[in-house]
Amino acid sequence: MGAFVEGWVREFGKTSATPVEFLRMSGYMAAATCMGRGARVLVNDRWVYPNLWGMLIGPSSFSYKSSAL
């Protein structure tokens, strides 16, 4: 999954002034959304479905947060 997100960041970064950190975070959030409940971890003989949360924090209008989303 890392190679896919990095490729997407590289391609989208060529056409946008958005910081790569914002693009990377939104790429991981999109990949997690596509996986849904497909990822699970066995903890003490019980399956746990982890949640992945992300937030983009930056200065107003000059950080291009909306472009990353």
PDB file of N, CA and C in Angstrom:
ATOM      1  N   MET A   1       0.831  -1.193   0.000  1.00  0.00           N
ATOM      2  CA  MET A   1       0.000   0.000   0.000  1.00  0.00           C
ATOM      3  C   MET A   1       0.866   1.243   0.000  1.00  0.00           C
ATOM      4  N   GLY A   2       2.027   1.189   0.626  1.00  0.00           N
ATOM      5  CA  GLY A   2       2.894   2.356   0.686  1.00  0.00           C
ATOM      6  C   GLY A   2       3.353   2.819  -0.685  1.00  0.00           C
ATOM      7  N   ALA A   3       3.657   1.859  -1.579  1.00  0.00           N
ATOM      8  CA  ALA A   3       4.113   2.213  -2.920  1.00  0.00           C
ATOM      9  C   ALA A   3       2.999   2.895  -3.704  1.00  0.00           C
ATOM     10  N   PHE A   4       1.768   2.432  -3.531  1.00  0.00           N
ATOM     11  CA  PHE A   4       0.631   3.045  -4.214  1.00  0.00           C
ATOM     12  C   PHE A   4       0.446   4.488  -3.760  1.00  0.00           C
ATOM     13  N   VAL A   5       0.474   4.708  -2.452  1.00  0.00           N
ATOM     14  CA  VAL A   5       0.272   6.060  -1.918  1.00  0.00           C
ATOM     15  C   VAL A   5       1.419   6.973  -2.348  1.00  0.00           C
ATOM     16  N   GLU A   6       2.642   6.487  -2.302  1.00  0.00           N
ATOM     17  CA  GLU A   6       3.785   7.315  -2.695  1.00  0.00           C
ATOM     18  C   GLU A   6       3.718   7.675  -4.183  1.00  0.00           C
ATOM     19  N   GLY A   7       3.275   6.745  -5.016  1.00  0.00           N
ATOM     20  CA  GLY A   7       3.099   7.036  -6.440  1.00  0.00           C
ATOM     21  C   GLY A   7       2.038   8.093  -6.671  1.00  0.00           C
ATOM     22  N   TRP A   8       0.952   7.988  -5.931  1.00  0.00           N
ATOM     23  CA  TRP A   8      -0.128   8.970  -6.029  1.00  0.00           C
ATOM     24  C   TRP A   8       0.356  10.342  -5.566  1.00  0.00           C
ATOM     25  N   VAL A   9       1.111  10.374  -4.477  1.00  0.00           N
ATOM     26  CA  VAL A   9       1.660  11.640  -3.961  1.00  0.00           C
ATOM     27  C   VAL A   9       2.601  12.261  -4.997  1.00  0.00           C
ATOM     28  N   ARG A  10       3.437  11.458  -5.608  1.00  0.00           N
ATOM     29  CA  ARG A  10       4.383  11.953  -6.606  1.00  0.00           C
ATOM     30  C   ARG A  10       3.651  12.562  -7.808  1.00  0.00           C
ATOM     31  N   GLU A  11       2.642  11.851  -8.316  1.00  0.00           N
ATOM     32  CA  GLU A  11       1.918  12.333  -9.493  1.00  0.00           C
ATOM     33  C   GLU A  11       1.081  13.570  -9.179  1.00  0.00           C
ATOM     34  N   PHE A  12       0.343  13.553  -8.075  1.00  0.00           N
ATOM     35  CA  PHE A  12      -0.507  14.691  -7.737  1.00  0.00           C
ATOM     36  C   PHE A  12       0.337  15.877  -7.305  1.00  0.00           C
ATOM     37  N   GLY A  13       1.475  15.630  -6.688  1.00  0.00           N
ATOM     38  CA  GLY A  13       2.353  16.700  -6.240  1.00  0.00           C
ATOM     39  C   GLY A  13       2.931  17.510  -7.386  1.00  0.00           C
ATOM     40  N   LYS A  14       3.014  16.914  -8.573  1.00  0.00           N
ATOM     41  CA  LYS A  14       3.527  17.637  -9.744  1.00  0.00           C
ATOM     42  C   LYS A  14       2.589  18.752 -10.185  1.00  0.00           C
ATOM     43  N   THR A  15       1.298  18.587  -9.954  1.00  0.00           N
ATOM     44  CA  THR A  15       0.311  19.543 -10.448  1.00  0.00           C
ATOM     45  C   THR A  15      -0.300  20.407  -9.360  1.00  0.00           C
ATOM     46  N   SER A  16       0.139  20.256  -8.135  1.00  0.00           N
ATOM     47  CA  SER A  16      -0.471  20.977  -7.024  1.00  0.00           C
ATOM     48  C   SER A  16       0.604  21.559  -6.113  1.00  0.00           C
ATOM     49  N   ALA A  17       0.273  22.641  -5.447  1.00  0.00           N
ATOM     50  CA  ALA A  17       1.193  23.254  -4.480  1.00  0.00           C
ATOM     51  C   ALA A  17       0.960  22.710  -3.073  1.00  0.00           C
ATOM     52  N   THR A  18       0.157  21.665  -2.965  1.00  0.00           N
ATOM     53  CA  THR A  18      -0.166  21.069  -1.673  1.00  0.00           C
ATOM     54  C   THR A  18       1.063  20.392  -1.075  1.00  0.00           C
ATOM     55  N   PRO A  19       1.323  20.589   0.224  1.00  0.00           N
ATOM     56  CA  PRO A  19       2.469  19.904   0.855  1.00  0.00           C
ATOM     57  C   PRO A  19       2.318  18.387   0.770  1.00  0.00           C
ATOM     58  N   VAL A  20       3.436  17.684   0.587  1.00  0.00           N
ATOM     59  CA  VAL A  20       3.391  16.222   0.446  1.00  0.00           C
ATOM     60  C   VAL A  20       2.851  15.534   1.689  1.00  0.00           C
ATOM     61  N   GLU A  21       3.027  16.124   2.849  1.00  0.00           N
ATOM     62  CA  GLU A  21       2.497  15.516   4.078  1.00  0.00           C
ATOM     63  C   GLU A  21       0.971  15.429   4.018  1.00  0.00           C
ATOM     64  N   PHE A  22       0.327  16.481   3.494  1.00  0.00           N
ATOM     65  CA  PHE A  22      -1.135  16.476   3.377  1.00  0.00           C
ATOM     66  C   PHE A  22      -1.586  15.462   2.343  1.00  0.00           C
ATOM     67  N   LEU A  23      -0.867  15.383   1.235  1.00  0.00           N
ATOM     68  CA  LEU A  23      -1.218  14.402   0.201  1.00  0.00           C
ATOM     69  C   LEU A  23      -1.053  12.982   0.719  1.00  0.00           C
ATOM     70  N   ARG A  24       0.022  12.742   1.444  1.00  0.00           N
ATOM     71  CA  ARG A  24       0.275  11.406   1.990  1.00  0.00           C
ATOM     72  C   ARG A  24      -0.834  10.996   2.966  1.00  0.00           C
ATOM     73  N   MET A  25      -1.216  11.904   3.857  1.00  0.00           N
ATOM     74  CA  MET A  25      -2.271  11.591   4.834  1.00  0.00           C
ATOM     75  C   MET A  25      -3.594  11.298   4.135  1.00  0.00           C
ATOM     76  N   SER A  26      -3.952  12.107   3.149  1.00  0.00           N
ATOM     77  CA  SER A  26      -5.216  11.858   2.457  1.00  0.00           C
ATOM     78  C   SER A  26      -5.152  10.567   1.638  1.00  0.00           C
ATOM     79  N   GLY A  27      -3.983  10.208   1.136  1.00  0.00           N
ATOM     80  CA  GLY A  27      -3.837   8.931   0.422  1.00  0.00           C
ATOM     81  C   GLY A  27      -4.048   7.743   1.336  1.00  0.00           C
ATOM     82  N   TYR A  28      -3.486   7.803   2.532  1.00  0.00           N
ATOM     83  CA  TYR A  28      -3.690   6.715   3.491  1.00  0.00           C
ATOM     84  C   TYR A  28      -5.148   6.640   3.954  1.00  0.00           C
ATOM     85  N   MET A  29      -5.789   7.785   4.105  1.00  0.00           N
ATOM     86  CA  MET A  29      -7.199   7.772   4.503  1.00  0.00           C
ATOM     87  C   MET A  29      -8.069   7.157   3.396  1.00  0.00           C
ATOM     88  N   ALA A  30      -7.758   7.485   2.137  1.00  0.00           N
ATOM     89  CA  ALA A  30      -8.508   6.908   1.015  1.00  0.00           C
ATOM     90  C   ALA A  30      -8.294   5.391   0.935  1.00  0.00           C
ATOM     91  N   ALA A  31      -7.057   4.953   1.143  1.00  0.00           N
ATOM     92  CA  ALA A  31      -6.779   3.510   1.116  1.00  0.00           C
ATOM     93  C   ALA A  31      -7.487   2.794   2.259  1.00  0.00           C
ATOM     94  N   ALA A  32      -7.509   3.408   3.438  1.00  0.00           N
ATOM     95  CA  ALA A  32      -8.201   2.806   4.580  1.00  0.00           C
ATOM     96  C   ALA A  32      -9.700   2.719   4.330  1.00  0.00           C
ATOM     97  N   THR A  33     -10.252   3.715   3.668  1.00  0.00           N
ATOM     98  CA  THR A  33     -11.680   3.695   3.341  1.00  0.00           C
ATOM     99  C   THR A  33     -11.990   2.549   2.383  1.00  0.00           C
ATOM    100  N   CYS A  34     -11.124   2.333   1.421  1.00  0.00           N
ATOM    101  CA  CYS A  34     -11.337   1.237   0.462  1.00  0.00           C
ATOM    102  C   CYS A  34     -11.236  -0.135   1.131  1.00  0.00           C
ATOM    103  N   MET A  35     -10.354  -0.247   2.127  1.00  0.00           N
ATOM    104  CA  MET A  35     -10.185  -1.531   2.826  1.00  0.00           C
ATOM    105  C   MET A  35     -11.381  -1.856   3.706  1.00  0.00           C
ATOM    106  N   GLY A  36     -12.007  -0.850   4.270  1.00  0.00           N
ATOM    107  CA  GLY A  36     -13.153  -1.073   5.144  1.00  0.00           C
ATOM    108  C   GLY A  36     -12.773  -1.928   6.341  1.00  0.00           C
ATOM    109  N   ARG A  37     -13.540  -2.972   6.602  1.00  0.00           N
ATOM    110  CA  ARG A  37     -13.253  -3.862   7.727  1.00  0.00           C
ATOM    111  C   ARG A  37     -12.370  -5.030   7.305  1.00  0.00           C
ATOM    112  N   GLY A  38     -11.646  -4.867   6.216  1.00  0.00           N
ATOM    113  CA  GLY A  38     -10.780  -5.936   5.710  1.00  0.00           C
ATOM    114  C   GLY A  38      -9.523  -6.137   6.536  1.00  0.00           C
ATOM    115  N   ALA A  39      -9.143  -5.139   7.315  1.00  0.00           N
ATOM    116  CA  ALA A  39      -7.942  -5.254   8.154  1.00  0.00           C
ATOM    117  C   ALA A  39      -8.373  -5.585   9.573  1.00  0.00           C
ATOM    118  N   ARG A  40      -7.733  -6.579  10.149  1.00  0.00           N
ATOM    119  CA  ARG A  40      -8.056  -6.954  11.525  1.00  0.00           C
ATOM    120  C   ARG A  40      -6.814  -7.495  12.207  1.00  0.00           C
ATOM    121  N   VAL A  41      -6.812  -7.438  13.533  1.00  0.00           N
ATOM    122  CA  VAL A  41      -5.671  -7.868  14.338  1.00  0.00           C
ATOM    123  C   VAL A  41      -6.193  -8.831  15.405  1.00  0.00           C
ATOM    124  N   LEU A  42      -5.486  -9.948  15.606  1.00  0.00           N
ATOM    125  CA  LEU A  42      -5.871 -10.914  16.631  1.00  0.00           C
ATOM    126  C   LEU A  42      -5.222 -10.513  17.955  1.00  0.00           C
ATOM    127  N   VAL A  43      -6.060 -10.174  18.936  1.00  0.00           N
ATOM    128  CA  VAL A  43      -5.580  -9.762  20.259  1.00  0.00           C
ATOM    129  C   VAL A  43      -6.271 -10.631  21.303  1.00  0.00           C
ATOM    130  N   ASN A  44      -5.495 -11.409  22.041  1.00  0.00           N
ATOM    131  CA  ASN A  44      -6.033 -12.276  23.103  1.00  0.00           C
ATOM    132  C   ASN A  44      -7.186 -13.138  22.607  1.00  0.00           C
ATOM    133  N   ASP A  45      -6.969 -13.837  21.508  1.00  0.00           N
ATOM    134  CA  ASP A  45      -7.975 -14.741  20.921  1.00  0.00           C
ATOM    135  C   ASP A  45      -9.249 -14.031  20.487  1.00  0.00           C
ATOM    136  N   ARG A  46      -9.153 -12.760  20.178  1.00  0.00           N
ATOM    137  CA  ARG A  46     -10.319 -11.993  19.744  1.00  0.00           C
ATOM    138  C   ARG A  46      -9.890 -11.074  18.601  1.00  0.00           C
ATOM    139  N   TRP A  47     -10.707 -11.001  17.552  1.00  0.00           N
ATOM    140  CA  TRP A  47     -10.393 -10.135  16.426  1.00  0.00           C
ATOM    141  C   TRP A  47     -10.767  -8.698  16.750  1.00  0.00           C
ATOM    142  N   VAL A  48      -9.829  -7.794  16.509  1.00  0.00           N
ATOM    143  CA  VAL A  48     -10.056  -6.370  16.724  1.00  0.00           C
ATOM    144  C   VAL A  48      -9.933  -5.676  15.367  1.00  0.00           C
ATOM    145  N   TYR A  49     -10.883  -4.813  15.056  1.00  0.00           N
ATOM    146  CA  TYR A  49     -10.879  -4.064  13.805  1.00  0.00           C
ATOM    147  C   TYR A  49     -10.446  -2.631  14.112  1.00  0.00           C
ATOM    148  N   PRO A  50      -9.193  -2.288  13.787  1.00  0.00           N
ATOM    149  CA  PRO A  50      -8.691  -0.960  14.146  1.00  0.00           C
ATOM    150  C   PRO A  50      -9.329   0.149  13.303  1.00  0.00           C
ATOM    151  N   ASN A  51      -9.438   1.325  13.890  1.00  0.00           N
ATOM    152  CA  ASN A  51      -9.919   2.515  13.191  1.00  0.00           C
ATOM    153  C   ASN A  51      -8.730   3.403  12.860  1.00  0.00           C
ATOM    154  N   LEU A  52      -8.769   4.019  11.710  1.00  0.00           N
ATOM    155  CA  LEU A  52      -7.709   4.936  11.310  1.00  0.00           C
ATOM    156  C   LEU A  52      -8.321   6.320  11.130  1.00  0.00           C
ATOM    157  N   TRP A  53      -7.824   7.271  11.892  1.00  0.00           N
ATOM    158  CA  TRP A  53      -8.313   8.636  11.834  1.00  0.00           C
ATOM    159  C   TRP A  53      -7.201   9.526  11.311  1.00  0.00           C
ATOM    160  N   GLY A  54      -7.567  10.568  10.588  1.00  0.00           N
ATOM    161  CA  GLY A  54      -6.583  11.521  10.094  1.00  0.00           C
ATOM    162  C   GLY A  54      -7.154  12.926  10.129  1.00  0.00           C
ATOM    163  N   MET A  55      -6.273  13.892  10.325  1.00  0.00           N
ATOM    164  CA  MET A  55      -6.697  15.285  10.363  1.00  0.00           C
ATOM    165  C   MET A  55      -5.597  16.140   9.737  1.00  0.00           C
ATOM    166  N   LEU A  56      -5.985  17.073   8.911  1.00  0.00           N
ATOM    167  CA  LEU A  56      -5.038  18.004   8.302  1.00  0.00           C
ATOM    168  C   LEU A  56      -5.138  19.332   9.033  1.00  0.00           C
ATOM    169  N   ILE A  57      -4.045  19.763   9.631  1.00  0.00           N
ATOM    170  CA  ILE A  57      -4.025  21.029  10.360  1.00  0.00           C
ATOM    171  C   ILE A  57      -2.973  21.923   9.720  1.00  0.00           C
ATOM    172  N   GLY A  58      -3.371  23.115   9.346  1.00  0.00           N
ATOM    173  CA  GLY A  58      -2.446  24.057   8.731  1.00  0.00           C
ATOM    174  C   GLY A  58      -3.065  25.436   8.709  1.00  0.00           C
ATOM    175  N   PRO A  59      -2.276  26.430   8.354  1.00  0.00           N
ATOM    176  CA  PRO A  59      -2.799  27.792   8.290  1.00  0.00           C
ATOM    177  C   PRO A  59      -3.930  27.901   7.272  1.00  0.00           C
ATOM    178  N   SER A  60      -4.828  28.809   7.516  1.00  0.00           N
ATOM    179  CA  SER A  60      -5.967  29.041   6.640  1.00  0.00           C
ATOM    180  C   SER A  60      -5.538  29.443   5.239  1.00  0.00           C
ATOM    181  N   SER A  61      -6.156  28.910   4.263  1.00  0.00           N
ATOM    182  CA  SER A  61      -6.025  29.150   2.834  1.00  0.00           C
ATOM    183  C   SER A  61      -4.640  29.018   2.218  1.00  0.00           C
ATOM    184  N   PHE A  62      -3.587  29.186   2.928  1.00  0.00           N
ATOM    185  CA  PHE A  62      -2.257  29.133   2.333  1.00  0.00           C
ATOM    186  C   PHE A  62      -1.636  27.735   2.348  1.00  0.00           C
ATOM    187  N   SER A  63      -2.265  26.772   2.996  1.00  0.00           N
ATOM    188  CA  SER A  63      -1.674  25.450   3.089  1.00  0.00           C
ATOM    189  C   SER A  63      -2.298  24.436   2.116  1.00  0.00           C
ATOM    190  N   TYR A  64      -3.318  24.842   1.369  1.00  0.00           N
ATOM    191  CA  TYR A  64      -3.948  23.995   0.351  1.00  0.00           C
ATOM    192  C   TYR A  64      -4.465  22.672   0.910  1.00  0.00           C
ATOM    193  N   LYS A  65      -5.097  22.727   2.078  1.00  0.00           N
ATOM    194  CA  LYS A  65      -5.651  21.510   2.678  1.00  0.00           C
ATOM    195  C   LYS A  65      -6.758  20.924   1.819  1.00  0.00           C
ATOM    196  N   SER A  66      -7.624  21.773   1.264  1.00  0.00           N
ATOM    197  CA  SER A  66      -8.757  21.282   0.464  1.00  0.00           C
ATOM    198  C   SER A  66      -8.292  20.551  -0.782  1.00  0.00           C
ATOM    199  N   SER A  67      -7.195  20.968  -1.368  1.00  0.00           N
ATOM    200  CA  SER A  67      -6.679  20.291  -2.560  1.00  0.00           C
ATOM    201  C   SER A  67      -6.277  18.856  -2.245  1.00  0.00           C
ATOM    202  N   ALA A  68      -5.783  18.619  -1.059  1.00  0.00           N
ATOM    203  CA  ALA A  68      -5.363  17.270  -0.676  1.00  0.00           C
ATOM    204  C   ALA A  68      -6.558  16.354  -0.472  1.00  0.00           C
ATOM    205  N   LEU A  69      -7.673  16.914  -0.073  1.00  0.00           N
ATOM    206  CA  LEU A  69      -8.855  16.095   0.168  1.00  0.00           C
ATOM    207  C   LEU A  69      -9.634  15.911  -1.106  1.00  0.00           C
TER     208      LEU A  69
END
